[in-house]
Amino acid sequence: MKNLKSTYLGISIKNPLVIGSSGLSSTVMGVKSLADAGAAAVVLKSIFEEEITAEAKATLQSQLGTDQNNMEFFDYYDYQVKSDVLDKYLTLITEAKAAVDIPIIASINCASYNEWVSYAKRIEKAGADGIELNIFKLPFDKASTAQELEDTYFTIVRKLREQVSIPVGIKMSSYFTNLGSVIHRLSNTGVNGLILFNRYTSLDFDIENDQVVSGHIYSDKNDYVLPMRWIAVASQGADCDLIASTGVHDYRTLVKMIMAGAASVQIVSAVYKEGPEVILWMLKELESWMEKRGFDSISDFKGKMSQGLADNPEVFERVQFMRYFSDHTTIK
């Protein structure tokens, strides 16, 4: 029996497989099925900042009636509606904690540091073992500078750290001018983990009906290469756990992420496609691989392939195809 223990946001977990935030973890029954299949921790489905705001706005518009000009009542009702939305999430946290014996991580999808930050105390009180902040805005605002977009992350982290003492993780985007610097600086803010990377909603075009439609919902098995590279580059200098996310569909990719330096790995699409049993399969294959290679624990090979330990660290920074195509003078 191999020692698969690792960490997630600095929290000790029994193996490196964590279920990322998704519909899989939106109910207590779903969380229990994932825990029973061997998941080491579960990140609950995100509560969205804009979802709270939108529901409050819709409820206010439909129910205020003649009191709509009463600002005192408006403020109270606005608070109450938002609080009711949060209460449902707090109940999920409490009931999930009672149902399983693995860490339960709350997830907040946010783009600002508005009043929702104060809700973090209630999330902590409900029993969440940690909070994952899913922060992402597509950087298409021409009026904002790269520095302003970066500052949003640091401001949110600082505000949240003022509210809670439980571990905090940031699920971040790869869209930064100097991603290596941002990862390093964020890891030194007091956060307990950085999840690389946020998988954003993609879009596509229906060319027969001239409509914008949803793109690929699930990750592809080749999507792992981007987070793997950045974890390999950043893991030796990071002052917190780095967690891999996106494109992990089999044990080979799980191994690669750990060898790059990931403390743990989030999976979602693989479970949607194969069912919770894929968790047990990946863990069994991981143990078999460790047996074959002579590794007794995760720590024996964690970071083995990181840039910091590489004989040729420059290879991690190469971005052109010179190595592969320099010998070819013609295109066939």
C-alpha atoms as a PDB file:
ATOM      1  CA  MET A   1       0.000   0.000   0.000  1.00  0.00           C
ATOM      2  CA  LYS A   2       1.522   3.273  -1.136  1.00  0.00           C
ATOM      3  CA  ASN A   3       1.363   6.530   0.796  1.00  0.00           C
ATOM      4  CA  LEU A   4      -0.778   8.809  -1.379  1.00  0.00           C
ATOM      5  CA  LYS A   5      -1.141  11.585   1.194  1.00  0.00           C
ATOM      6  CA  SER A   6      -0.737  15.115  -0.075  1.00  0.00           C
ATOM      7  CA  THR A   7      -2.097  18.614   0.569  1.00  0.00           C
ATOM      8  CA  TYR A   8      -4.751  20.935  -0.825  1.00  0.00           C
ATOM      9  CA  LEU A   9      -4.560  24.583   0.259  1.00  0.00           C
ATOM     10  CA  GLY A  10      -2.205  23.333   2.937  1.00  0.00           C
ATOM     11  CA  ILE A  11      -4.857  20.908   4.229  1.00  0.00           C
ATOM     12  CA  SER A  12      -3.715  17.317   4.632  1.00  0.00           C
ATOM     13  CA  ILE A  13      -5.630  15.005   2.260  1.00  0.00           C
ATOM     14  CA  LYS A  14      -5.509  11.228   1.808  1.00  0.00           C
ATOM     15  CA  ASN A  15      -4.611  11.339  -1.889  1.00  0.00           C
ATOM     16  CA  PRO A  16      -3.974  14.040  -4.517  1.00  0.00           C
ATOM     17  CA  LEU A  17      -7.351  13.825  -6.317  1.00  0.00           C
ATOM     18  CA  VAL A  18      -9.770  16.666  -5.580  1.00  0.00           C
ATOM     19  CA  ILE A  19     -13.125  17.255  -7.262  1.00  0.00           C
ATOM     20  CA  GLY A  20     -13.335  20.753  -8.698  1.00  0.00           C
ATOM     21  CA  SER A  21     -16.320  23.048  -8.399  1.00  0.00           C
ATOM     22  CA  SER A  22     -19.149  21.879 -10.666  1.00  0.00           C
ATOM     23  CA  GLY A  23     -22.655  20.512 -10.763  1.00  0.00           C
ATOM     24  CA  LEU A  24     -21.197  17.250  -9.470  1.00  0.00           C
ATOM     25  CA  SER A  25     -20.850  18.873  -6.060  1.00  0.00           C
ATOM     26  CA  SER A  26     -24.076  20.861  -5.965  1.00  0.00           C
ATOM     27  CA  THR A  27     -25.938  18.420  -3.685  1.00  0.00           C
ATOM     28  CA  VAL A  28     -25.139  16.427  -0.577  1.00  0.00           C
ATOM     29  CA  MET A  29     -25.872  13.198  -2.447  1.00  0.00           C
ATOM     30  CA  GLY A  30     -23.420  14.201  -5.163  1.00  0.00           C
ATOM     31  CA  VAL A  31     -20.716  15.042  -2.644  1.00  0.00           C
ATOM     32  CA  LYS A  32     -21.224  11.703  -0.872  1.00  0.00           C
ATOM     33  CA  SER A  33     -20.939   9.710  -4.091  1.00  0.00           C
ATOM     34  CA  LEU A  34     -17.657  11.440  -4.882  1.00  0.00           C
ATOM     35  CA  ALA A  35     -16.294  10.817  -1.385  1.00  0.00           C
ATOM     36  CA  ASP A  36     -17.361   7.158  -1.539  1.00  0.00           C
ATOM     37  CA  ALA A  37     -15.477   6.810  -4.842  1.00  0.00           C
ATOM     38  CA  GLY A  38     -12.246   7.964  -3.204  1.00  0.00           C
ATOM     39  CA  ALA A  39     -12.066  11.726  -3.730  1.00  0.00           C
ATOM     40  CA  ALA A  40      -9.723  13.310  -1.185  1.00  0.00           C
ATOM     41  CA  ALA A  41     -11.634  16.615  -1.022  1.00  0.00           C
ATOM     42  CA  VAL A  42     -14.557  18.264  -2.768  1.00  0.00           C
ATOM     43  CA  VAL A  43     -14.948  21.862  -3.884  1.00  0.00           C
ATOM     44  CA  LEU A  44     -18.634  22.715  -3.801  1.00  0.00           C
ATOM     45  CA  LYS A  45     -20.370  24.229  -6.794  1.00  0.00           C
ATOM     46  CA  SER A  46     -19.574  27.936  -6.880  1.00  0.00           C
ATOM     47  CA  ILE A  47     -21.847  30.566  -5.487  1.00  0.00           C
ATOM     48  CA  PHE A  48     -21.723  33.435  -7.984  1.00  0.00           C
ATOM     49  CA  GLU A  49     -21.419  37.063  -6.962  1.00  0.00           C
ATOM     50  CA  GLU A  50     -23.502  38.093  -9.979  1.00  0.00           C
ATOM     51  CA  GLU A  51     -26.027  35.331  -9.290  1.00  0.00           C
ATOM     52  CA  ILE A  52     -26.724  36.773  -5.835  1.00  0.00           C
ATOM     53  CA  THR A  53     -26.983  40.280  -7.256  1.00  0.00           C
ATOM     54  CA  ALA A  54     -29.228  39.255 -10.160  1.00  0.00           C
ATOM     55  CA  GLU A  55     -31.628  37.253  -8.002  1.00  0.00           C
ATOM     56  CA  ALA A  56     -31.881  40.072  -5.499  1.00  0.00           C
ATOM     57  CA  LYS A  57     -32.614  42.555  -8.272  1.00  0.00           C
ATOM     58  CA  ALA A  58     -35.280  40.352  -9.861  1.00  0.00           C
ATOM     59  CA  THR A  59     -36.992  39.692  -6.540  1.00  0.00           C
ATOM     60  CA  LEU A  60     -36.962  43.336  -5.585  1.00  0.00           C
ATOM     61  CA  GLN A  61     -38.483  44.405  -8.883  1.00  0.00           C
ATOM     62  CA  SER A  62     -41.275  41.844  -8.661  1.00  0.00           C
ATOM     63  CA  GLN A  63     -42.204  42.216  -4.989  1.00  0.00           C
ATOM     64  CA  LEU A  64     -41.506  45.732  -3.759  1.00  0.00           C
ATOM     65  CA  GLY A  65     -44.577  47.329  -5.329  1.00  0.00           C
ATOM     66  CA  THR A  66     -45.610  50.558  -3.591  1.00  0.00           C
ATOM     67  CA  ASP A  67     -42.607  50.409  -1.284  1.00  0.00           C
ATOM     68  CA  GLN A  68     -40.135  50.858  -4.136  1.00  0.00           C
ATOM     69  CA  ASN A  69     -39.456  54.460  -3.143  1.00  0.00           C
ATOM     70  CA  ASN A  70     -38.869  53.601   0.502  1.00  0.00           C
ATOM     71  CA  MET A  71     -35.050  53.440   0.532  1.00  0.00           C
ATOM     72  CA  GLU A  72     -34.842  52.121   4.086  1.00  0.00           C
ATOM     73  CA  PHE A  73     -37.099  49.211   3.188  1.00  0.00           C
ATOM     74  CA  PHE A  74     -35.251  48.749  -0.110  1.00  0.00           C
ATOM     75  CA  ASP A  75     -31.923  48.353   1.685  1.00  0.00           C
ATOM     76  CA  TYR A  76     -33.390  45.880   4.146  1.00  0.00           C
ATOM     77  CA  TYR A  77     -35.109  43.798   1.484  1.00  0.00           C
ATOM     78  CA  ASP A  78     -32.040  43.820  -0.750  1.00  0.00           C
ATOM     79  CA  TYR A  79     -29.982  42.451   2.136  1.00  0.00           C
ATOM     80  CA  GLN A  80     -32.606  39.862   3.051  1.00  0.00           C
ATOM     81  CA  VAL A  81     -32.919  38.435  -0.472  1.00  0.00           C
ATOM     82  CA  LYS A  82     -29.145  38.123  -0.817  1.00  0.00           C
ATOM     83  CA  SER A  83     -28.944  36.542   2.613  1.00  0.00           C
ATOM     84  CA  ASP A  84     -31.573  33.945   1.653  1.00  0.00           C
ATOM     85  CA  VAL A  85     -29.506  32.912  -1.376  1.00  0.00           C
ATOM     86  CA  LEU A  86     -26.438  32.507   0.809  1.00  0.00           C
ATOM     87  CA  ASP A  87     -28.395  30.547   3.440  1.00  0.00           C
ATOM     88  CA  LYS A  88     -29.043  27.795   0.905  1.00  0.00           C
ATOM     89  CA  TYR A  89     -25.319  27.539   0.255  1.00  0.00           C
ATOM     90  CA  LEU A  90     -24.490  27.496   3.956  1.00  0.00           C
ATOM     91  CA  THR A  91     -26.950  24.626   4.426  1.00  0.00           C
ATOM     92  CA  LEU A  92     -25.164  22.681   1.678  1.00  0.00           C
ATOM     93  CA  ILE A  93     -21.842  23.205   3.465  1.00  0.00           C
ATOM     94  CA  THR A  94     -23.186  22.082   6.837  1.00  0.00           C
ATOM     95  CA  GLU A  95     -24.976  19.017   5.467  1.00  0.00           C
ATOM     96  CA  ALA A  96     -22.041  17.983   3.277  1.00  0.00           C
ATOM     97  CA  LYS A  97     -19.696  18.197   6.258  1.00  0.00           C
ATOM     98  CA  ALA A  98     -22.012  15.944   8.243  1.00  0.00           C
ATOM     99  CA  ALA A  99     -22.264  13.411   5.413  1.00  0.00           C
ATOM    100  CA  VAL A 100     -18.578  12.834   4.615  1.00  0.00           C
ATOM    101  CA  ASP A 101     -15.228  12.768   6.382  1.00  0.00           C
ATOM    102  CA  ILE A 102     -13.162  14.612   3.757  1.00  0.00           C
ATOM    103  CA  PRO A 103     -12.480  18.359   3.487  1.00  0.00           C
ATOM    104  CA  ILE A 104     -15.315  20.431   2.029  1.00  0.00           C
ATOM    105  CA  ILE A 105     -14.201  23.589   0.252  1.00  0.00           C
ATOM    106  CA  ALA A 106     -16.614  26.444  -0.474  1.00  0.00           C
ATOM    107  CA  SER A 107     -16.262  28.212  -3.805  1.00  0.00           C
ATOM    108  CA  ILE A 108     -17.021  31.838  -4.578  1.00  0.00           C
ATOM    109  CA  ASN A 109     -17.024  33.030  -8.171  1.00  0.00           C
ATOM    110  CA  CYS A 110     -16.273  36.721  -8.042  1.00  0.00           C
ATOM    111  CA  ALA A 111     -15.012  39.657 -10.024  1.00  0.00           C
ATOM    112  CA  SER A 112     -14.907  42.327  -7.305  1.00  0.00           C
ATOM    113  CA  TYR A 113     -14.673  42.769  -3.546  1.00  0.00           C
ATOM    114  CA  ASN A 114     -18.181  44.023  -2.865  1.00  0.00           C
ATOM    115  CA  GLU A 115     -20.364  43.080   0.103  1.00  0.00           C
ATOM    116  CA  TRP A 116     -20.113  39.333  -0.579  1.00  0.00           C
ATOM    117  CA  VAL A 117     -16.690  39.362   1.099  1.00  0.00           C
ATOM    118  CA  SER A 118     -18.429  39.796   4.459  1.00  0.00           C
ATOM    119  CA  TYR A 119     -20.310  36.557   3.751  1.00  0.00           C
ATOM    120  CA  ALA A 120     -17.010  34.699   4.078  1.00  0.00           C
ATOM    121  CA  LYS A 121     -17.339  34.730   7.858  1.00  0.00           C
ATOM    122  CA  ARG A 122     -20.664  32.923   7.587  1.00  0.00           C
ATOM    123  CA  ILE A 123     -19.129  30.372   5.215  1.00  0.00           C
ATOM    124  CA  GLU A 124     -16.361  29.746   7.750  1.00  0.00           C
ATOM    125  CA  LYS A 125     -18.883  29.446  10.580  1.00  0.00           C
ATOM    126  CA  ALA A 126     -20.927  26.932   8.552  1.00  0.00           C
ATOM    127  CA  GLY A 127     -17.950  24.583   8.717  1.00  0.00           C
ATOM    128  CA  ALA A 128     -16.183  24.934   5.381  1.00  0.00           C
ATOM    129  CA  ASP A 129     -12.609  23.685   5.573  1.00  0.00           C
ATOM    130  CA  GLY A 130     -11.463  26.339   3.125  1.00  0.00           C
ATOM    131  CA  ILE A 131     -12.585  28.841   0.506  1.00  0.00           C
ATOM    132  CA  GLU A 132     -11.685  28.795  -3.160  1.00  0.00           C
ATOM    133  CA  LEU A 133     -12.010  32.148  -4.914  1.00  0.00           C
ATOM    134  CA  ASN A 134     -12.716  31.687  -8.591  1.00  0.00           C
ATOM    135  CA  ILE A 135     -11.605  35.036  -9.966  1.00  0.00           C
ATOM    136  CA  PHE A 136     -11.769  35.752 -13.666  1.00  0.00           C
ATOM    137  CA  LYS A 137     -12.786  38.477 -16.040  1.00  0.00           C
ATOM    138  CA  LEU A 138     -11.885  38.197 -19.704  1.00  0.00           C
ATOM    139  CA  PRO A 139      -9.393  41.056 -20.189  1.00  0.00           C
ATOM    140  CA  PHE A 140     -11.225  42.881 -22.956  1.00  0.00           C
ATOM    141  CA  ASP A 141     -11.910  46.153 -21.170  1.00  0.00           C
ATOM    142  CA  LYS A 142      -9.952  48.683 -23.211  1.00  0.00           C
ATOM    143  CA  ALA A 143     -10.275  51.245 -20.430  1.00  0.00           C
ATOM    144  CA  SER A 144      -8.408  49.057 -17.926  1.00  0.00           C
ATOM    145  CA  THR A 145      -4.669  48.550 -17.788  1.00  0.00           C
ATOM    146  CA  ALA A 146      -2.934  45.239 -17.154  1.00  0.00           C
ATOM    147  CA  GLN A 147      -1.894  46.546 -13.733  1.00  0.00           C
ATOM    148  CA  GLU A 148      -5.504  47.345 -12.813  1.00  0.00           C
ATOM    149  CA  LEU A 149      -6.597  43.818 -13.729  1.00  0.00           C
ATOM    150  CA  GLU A 150      -3.814  42.346 -11.599  1.00  0.00           C
ATOM    151  CA  ASP A 151      -4.652  44.634  -8.697  1.00  0.00           C
ATOM    152  CA  THR A 152      -8.184  43.168  -8.570  1.00  0.00           C
ATOM    153  CA  TYR A 153      -6.746  39.818  -7.489  1.00  0.00           C
ATOM    154  CA  PHE A 154      -4.575  41.294  -4.753  1.00  0.00           C
ATOM    155  CA  THR A 155      -7.366  43.501  -3.413  1.00  0.00           C
ATOM    156  CA  ILE A 156      -9.817  40.577  -3.214  1.00  0.00           C
ATOM    157  CA  VAL A 157      -7.250  38.412  -1.421  1.00  0.00           C
ATOM    158  CA  ARG A 158      -6.470  41.160   1.086  1.00  0.00           C
ATOM    159  CA  LYS A 159     -10.148  41.838   1.808  1.00  0.00           C
ATOM    160  CA  LEU A 160     -10.926  38.141   2.277  1.00  0.00           C
ATOM    161  CA  ARG A 161      -7.931  37.545   4.509  1.00  0.00           C
ATOM    162  CA  GLU A 162      -9.327  40.226   6.825  1.00  0.00           C
ATOM    163  CA  GLN A 163     -12.505  38.184   7.246  1.00  0.00           C
ATOM    164  CA  VAL A 164     -11.500  34.541   7.690  1.00  0.00           C
ATOM    165  CA  SER A 165      -8.818  32.354   9.192  1.00  0.00           C
ATOM    166  CA  ILE A 166      -9.545  29.160   7.225  1.00  0.00           C
ATOM    167  CA  PRO A 167      -7.346  28.308   4.198  1.00  0.00           C
ATOM    168  CA  VAL A 168      -7.950  30.342   1.063  1.00  0.00           C
ATOM    169  CA  GLY A 169      -7.146  29.391  -2.505  1.00  0.00           C
ATOM    170  CA  ILE A 170      -7.256  31.381  -5.728  1.00  0.00           C
ATOM    171  CA  LYS A 171      -8.418  29.737  -8.936  1.00  0.00           C
ATOM    172  CA  MET A 172      -6.760  32.043 -11.393  1.00  0.00           C
ATOM    173  CA  SER A 173      -6.606  32.766 -15.086  1.00  0.00           C
ATOM    174  CA  SER A 174      -3.587  32.431 -17.355  1.00  0.00           C
ATOM    175  CA  TYR A 175      -4.411  35.803 -18.965  1.00  0.00           C
ATOM    176  CA  PHE A 176      -1.701  38.022 -17.527  1.00  0.00           C
ATOM    177  CA  THR A 177       1.021  40.094 -19.144  1.00  0.00           C
ATOM    178  CA  ASN A 178       3.645  38.514 -16.887  1.00  0.00           C
ATOM    179  CA  LEU A 179       2.059  35.356 -15.538  1.00  0.00           C
ATOM    180  CA  GLY A 180       5.178  34.097 -13.771  1.00  0.00           C
ATOM    181  CA  SER A 181       5.428  37.280 -11.735  1.00  0.00           C
ATOM    182  CA  VAL A 182       1.730  37.235 -10.815  1.00  0.00           C
ATOM    183  CA  ILE A 183       1.900  33.614  -9.642  1.00  0.00           C
ATOM    184  CA  HIS A 184       4.963  34.366  -7.517  1.00  0.00           C
ATOM    185  CA  ARG A 185       3.502  37.525  -5.984  1.00  0.00           C
ATOM    186  CA  LEU A 186       0.102  35.960  -5.290  1.00  0.00           C
ATOM    187  CA  SER A 187       1.773  33.005  -3.588  1.00  0.00           C
ATOM    188  CA  ASN A 188       3.321  35.482  -1.139  1.00  0.00           C
ATOM    189  CA  THR A 189       0.056  37.174  -0.130  1.00  0.00           C
ATOM    190  CA  GLY A 190      -0.826  34.637   2.534  1.00  0.00           C
ATOM    191  CA  VAL A 191      -3.058  32.479   0.328  1.00  0.00           C
ATOM    192  CA  ASN A 192      -2.756  28.751   0.892  1.00  0.00           C
ATOM    193  CA  GLY A 193      -2.985  27.648  -2.697  1.00  0.00           C
ATOM    194  CA  LEU A 194      -3.201  28.707  -6.333  1.00  0.00           C
ATOM    195  CA  ILE A 195      -5.288  26.608  -8.715  1.00  0.00           C
ATOM    196  CA  LEU A 196      -3.939  26.721 -12.276  1.00  0.00           C
ATOM    197  CA  PHE A 197      -6.062  27.446 -14.232  1.00  0.00           C
ATOM    198  CA  ASN A 198      -9.626  28.687 -14.371  1.00  0.00           C
ATOM    199  CA  ARG A 199     -11.528  27.065 -17.220  1.00  0.00           C
ATOM    200  CA  TYR A 200     -13.747  29.734 -18.685  1.00  0.00           C
ATOM    201  CA  THR A 201     -16.913  29.358 -20.736  1.00  0.00           C
ATOM    202  CA  SER A 202     -16.096  29.130 -24.431  1.00  0.00           C
ATOM    203  CA  LEU A 203     -18.271  30.088 -27.336  1.00  0.00           C
ATOM    204  CA  ASP A 204     -18.698  28.936 -30.913  1.00  0.00           C
ATOM    205  CA  PHE A 205     -20.571  29.988 -34.044  1.00  0.00           C
ATOM    206  CA  ASP A 206     -23.484  28.137 -35.621  1.00  0.00           C
ATOM    207  CA  ILE A 207     -22.707  28.979 -39.277  1.00  0.00           C
ATOM    208  CA  GLU A 208     -26.039  27.630 -40.556  1.00  0.00           C
ATOM    209  CA  ASN A 209     -28.245  29.734 -38.280  1.00  0.00           C
ATOM    210  CA  ASP A 210     -25.880  32.661 -37.665  1.00  0.00           C
ATOM    211  CA  GLN A 211     -25.986  32.270 -33.904  1.00  0.00           C
ATOM    212  CA  VAL A 212     -23.509  32.370 -31.072  1.00  0.00           C
ATOM    213  CA  VAL A 213     -23.624  29.043 -29.235  1.00  0.00           C
ATOM    214  CA  SER A 214     -21.815  27.384 -26.366  1.00  0.00           C
ATOM    215  CA  GLY A 215     -18.430  25.897 -27.172  1.00  0.00           C
ATOM    216  CA  HIS A 216     -16.845  22.809 -25.650  1.00  0.00           C
ATOM    217  CA  ILE A 217     -18.199  22.210 -22.165  1.00  0.00           C
ATOM    218  CA  TYR A 218     -15.711  19.569 -21.086  1.00  0.00           C
ATOM    219  CA  SER A 219     -11.962  19.901 -21.093  1.00  0.00           C
ATOM    220  CA  ASP A 220      -9.917  17.973 -23.624  1.00  0.00           C
ATOM    221  CA  LYS A 221      -7.295  15.444 -22.598  1.00  0.00           C
ATOM    222  CA  ASN A 222      -4.606  17.642 -24.167  1.00  0.00           C
ATOM    223  CA  ASP A 223      -5.564  20.778 -22.240  1.00  0.00           C
ATOM    224  CA  TYR A 224      -3.236  19.823 -19.389  1.00  0.00           C
ATOM    225  CA  VAL A 225      -0.097  21.099 -21.118  1.00  0.00           C
ATOM    226  CA  LEU A 226      -0.612  24.775 -20.189  1.00  0.00           C
ATOM    227  CA  PRO A 227      -1.092  24.308 -16.417  1.00  0.00           C
ATOM    228  CA  MET A 228       1.613  21.614 -16.361  1.00  0.00           C
ATOM    229  CA  ARG A 229       4.193  23.960 -17.853  1.00  0.00           C
ATOM    230  CA  TRP A 230       3.405  26.808 -15.463  1.00  0.00           C
ATOM    231  CA  ILE A 231       3.347  24.562 -12.422  1.00  0.00           C
ATOM    232  CA  ALA A 232       6.722  23.173 -13.474  1.00  0.00           C
ATOM    233  CA  VAL A 233       8.084  26.704 -13.884  1.00  0.00           C
ATOM    234  CA  ALA A 234       6.618  28.145 -10.682  1.00  0.00           C
ATOM    235  CA  SER A 235       6.514  25.294  -8.169  1.00  0.00           C
ATOM    236  CA  GLN A 236      10.024  25.617  -6.758  1.00  0.00           C
ATOM    237  CA  GLY A 237       9.586  29.303  -5.909  1.00  0.00           C
ATOM    238  CA  ALA A 238       5.936  29.351  -4.859  1.00  0.00           C
ATOM    239  CA  ASP A 239       5.148  29.966  -1.202  1.00  0.00           C
ATOM    240  CA  CYS A 240       1.917  27.938  -1.222  1.00  0.00           C
ATOM    241  CA  ASP A 241       0.394  24.823  -2.770  1.00  0.00           C
ATOM    242  CA  LEU A 242       0.029  24.840  -6.537  1.00  0.00           C
ATOM    243  CA  ILE A 243      -2.956  22.793  -7.680  1.00  0.00           C
ATOM    244  CA  ALA A 244      -3.403  21.588 -11.240  1.00  0.00           C
ATOM    245  CA  SER A 245      -6.718  21.994 -13.014  1.00  0.00           C
ATOM    246  CA  THR A 246      -7.949  21.294 -16.560  1.00  0.00           C
ATOM    247  CA  GLY A 247      -7.302  18.367 -18.857  1.00  0.00           C
ATOM    248  CA  VAL A 248      -6.666  15.653 -16.258  1.00  0.00           C
ATOM    249  CA  HIS A 249      -8.473  12.621 -17.681  1.00  0.00           C
ATOM    250  CA  ASP A 250      -6.223   9.706 -16.697  1.00  0.00           C
ATOM    251  CA  TYR A 251      -3.563   8.669 -14.209  1.00  0.00           C
ATOM    252  CA  ARG A 252      -0.724   9.542 -16.592  1.00  0.00           C
ATOM    253  CA  THR A 253      -1.703  13.193 -16.577  1.00  0.00           C
ATOM    254  CA  LEU A 254      -2.200  13.047 -12.810  1.00  0.00           C
ATOM    255  CA  VAL A 255       1.387  11.777 -12.482  1.00  0.00           C
ATOM    256  CA  LYS A 256       2.715  14.455 -14.832  1.00  0.00           C
ATOM    257  CA  MET A 257       1.098  17.230 -12.805  1.00  0.00           C
ATOM    258  CA  ILE A 258       2.624  15.942  -9.572  1.00  0.00           C
ATOM    259  CA  MET A 259       6.025  15.532 -11.217  1.00  0.00           C
ATOM    260  CA  ALA A 260       5.728  19.143 -12.352  1.00  0.00           C
ATOM    261  CA  GLY A 261       5.266  20.143  -8.710  1.00  0.00           C
ATOM    262  CA  ALA A 262       1.507  20.145  -8.105  1.00  0.00           C
ATOM    263  CA  ALA A 263       0.505  19.366  -4.535  1.00  0.00           C
ATOM    264  CA  SER A 264      -2.836  18.027  -5.746  1.00  0.00           C
ATOM    265  CA  VAL A 265      -4.988  17.870  -8.845  1.00  0.00           C
ATOM    266  CA  GLN A 266      -8.577  18.885  -9.557  1.00  0.00           C
ATOM    267  CA  ILE A 267     -10.704  16.781 -11.885  1.00  0.00           C
ATOM    268  CA  VAL A 268     -14.221  17.411 -13.213  1.00  0.00           C
ATOM    269  CA  SER A 269     -14.690  16.521 -16.895  1.00  0.00           C
ATOM    270  CA  ALA A 270     -13.324  12.994 -16.418  1.00  0.00           C
ATOM    271  CA  VAL A 271     -15.973  12.324 -13.752  1.00  0.00           C
ATOM    272  CA  TYR A 272     -18.739  13.749 -15.949  1.00  0.00           C
ATOM    273  CA  LYS A 273     -17.646  11.491 -18.802  1.00  0.00           C
ATOM    274  CA  GLU A 274     -16.769   8.298 -16.922  1.00  0.00           C
ATOM    275  CA  GLY A 275     -18.645   8.561 -13.636  1.00  0.00           C
ATOM    276  CA  PRO A 276     -17.253   8.667 -10.079  1.00  0.00           C
ATOM    277  CA  GLU A 277     -15.619   5.255 -10.563  1.00  0.00           C
ATOM    278  CA  VAL A 278     -12.906   6.961 -12.627  1.00  0.00           C
ATOM    279  CA  ILE A 279     -11.551   8.336  -9.331  1.00  0.00           C
ATOM    280  CA  LEU A 280     -10.850   4.864  -7.949  1.00  0.00           C
ATOM    281  CA  TRP A 281      -9.408   3.737 -11.278  1.00  0.00           C
ATOM    282  CA  MET A 282      -6.986   6.652 -11.437  1.00  0.00           C
ATOM    283  CA  LEU A 283      -5.831   6.049  -7.873  1.00  0.00           C
ATOM    284  CA  LYS A 284      -5.266   2.335  -8.491  1.00  0.00           C
ATOM    285  CA  GLU A 285      -3.276   3.088 -11.637  1.00  0.00           C
ATOM    286  CA  LEU A 286      -1.286   5.712  -9.737  1.00  0.00           C
ATOM    287  CA  GLU A 287      -0.323   3.138  -7.108  1.00  0.00           C
ATOM    288  CA  SER A 288       0.624   0.613  -9.792  1.00  0.00           C
ATOM    289  CA  TRP A 289       2.847   3.181 -11.497  1.00  0.00           C
ATOM    290  CA  MET A 290       4.483   4.075  -8.174  1.00  0.00           C
ATOM    291  CA  GLU A 291       5.127   0.384  -7.497  1.00  0.00           C
ATOM    292  CA  LYS A 292       6.738  -0.041 -10.903  1.00  0.00           C
ATOM    293  CA  ARG A 293       8.943   3.022 -10.424  1.00  0.00           C
ATOM    294  CA  GLY A 294       9.857   2.200  -6.832  1.00  0.00           C
ATOM    295  CA  PHE A 295       8.180   5.232  -5.244  1.00  0.00           C
ATOM    296  CA  ASP A 296       6.652   4.784  -1.795  1.00  0.00           C
ATOM    297  CA  SER A 297       4.995   8.183  -1.417  1.00  0.00           C
ATOM    298  CA  ILE A 298       3.845  11.194  -3.413  1.00  0.00           C
ATOM    299  CA  SER A 299       6.727  13.230  -2.019  1.00  0.00           C
ATOM    300  CA  ASP A 300       9.200  10.828  -3.683  1.00  0.00           C
ATOM    301  CA  PHE A 301       8.400  12.205  -7.127  1.00  0.00           C
ATOM    302  CA  LYS A 302       6.620  15.506  -6.512  1.00  0.00           C
ATOM    303  CA  GLY A 303       8.425  18.228  -8.457  1.00  0.00           C
ATOM    304  CA  LYS A 304      10.874  15.712  -9.985  1.00  0.00           C
ATOM    305  CA  MET A 305      10.320  17.272 -13.430  1.00  0.00           C
ATOM    306  CA  SER A 306      10.045  20.911 -12.325  1.00  0.00           C
ATOM    307  CA  GLN A 307      12.176  23.599 -13.887  1.00  0.00           C
ATOM    308  CA  GLY A 308      13.982  24.176 -10.602  1.00  0.00           C
ATOM    309  CA  LEU A 309      15.366  20.631 -10.658  1.00  0.00           C
ATOM    310  CA  ALA A 310      15.922  20.338 -14.415  1.00  0.00           C
ATOM    311  CA  ASP A 311      19.358  19.836 -15.968  1.00  0.00           C
ATOM    312  CA  ASN A 312      18.246  22.051 -18.841  1.00  0.00           C
ATOM    313  CA  PRO A 313      15.816  24.599 -17.337  1.00  0.00           C
ATOM    314  CA  GLU A 314      15.777  26.669 -20.539  1.00  0.00           C
ATOM    315  CA  VAL A 315      13.599  24.067 -22.255  1.00  0.00           C
ATOM    316  CA  PHE A 316      10.618  25.189 -20.120  1.00  0.00           C
ATOM    317  CA  GLU A 317      10.875  28.678 -21.561  1.00  0.00           C
ATOM    318  CA  ARG A 318      11.123  27.752 -25.240  1.00  0.00           C
ATOM    319  CA  VAL A 319       8.039  28.903 -27.130  1.00  0.00           C
ATOM    320  CA  GLN A 320       9.021  28.303 -30.762  1.00  0.00           C
ATOM    321  CA  PHE A 321       9.188  25.114 -32.808  1.00  0.00           C
ATOM    322  CA  MET A 322      12.866  25.421 -33.769  1.00  0.00           C
ATOM    323  CA  ARG A 323      13.831  22.134 -32.113  1.00  0.00           C
ATOM    324  CA  TYR A 324      11.271  20.179 -34.086  1.00  0.00           C
ATOM    325  CA  PHE A 325      11.209  21.884 -37.472  1.00  0.00           C
ATOM    326  CA  SER A 326      14.674  23.362 -37.994  1.00  0.00           C
ATOM    327  CA  ASP A 327      15.711  20.331 -40.068  1.00  0.00           C
ATOM    328  CA  HIS A 328      12.777  20.697 -42.453  1.00  0.00           C
ATOM    329  CA  THR A 329      13.352  22.927 -45.477  1.00  0.00           C
ATOM    330  CA  THR A 330      10.173  22.111 -47.352  1.00  0.00           C
ATOM    331  CA  ILE A 331       6.512  21.832 -46.453  1.00  0.00           C
ATOM    332  CA  LYS A 332       4.732  18.737 -47.703  1.00  0.00           C
END
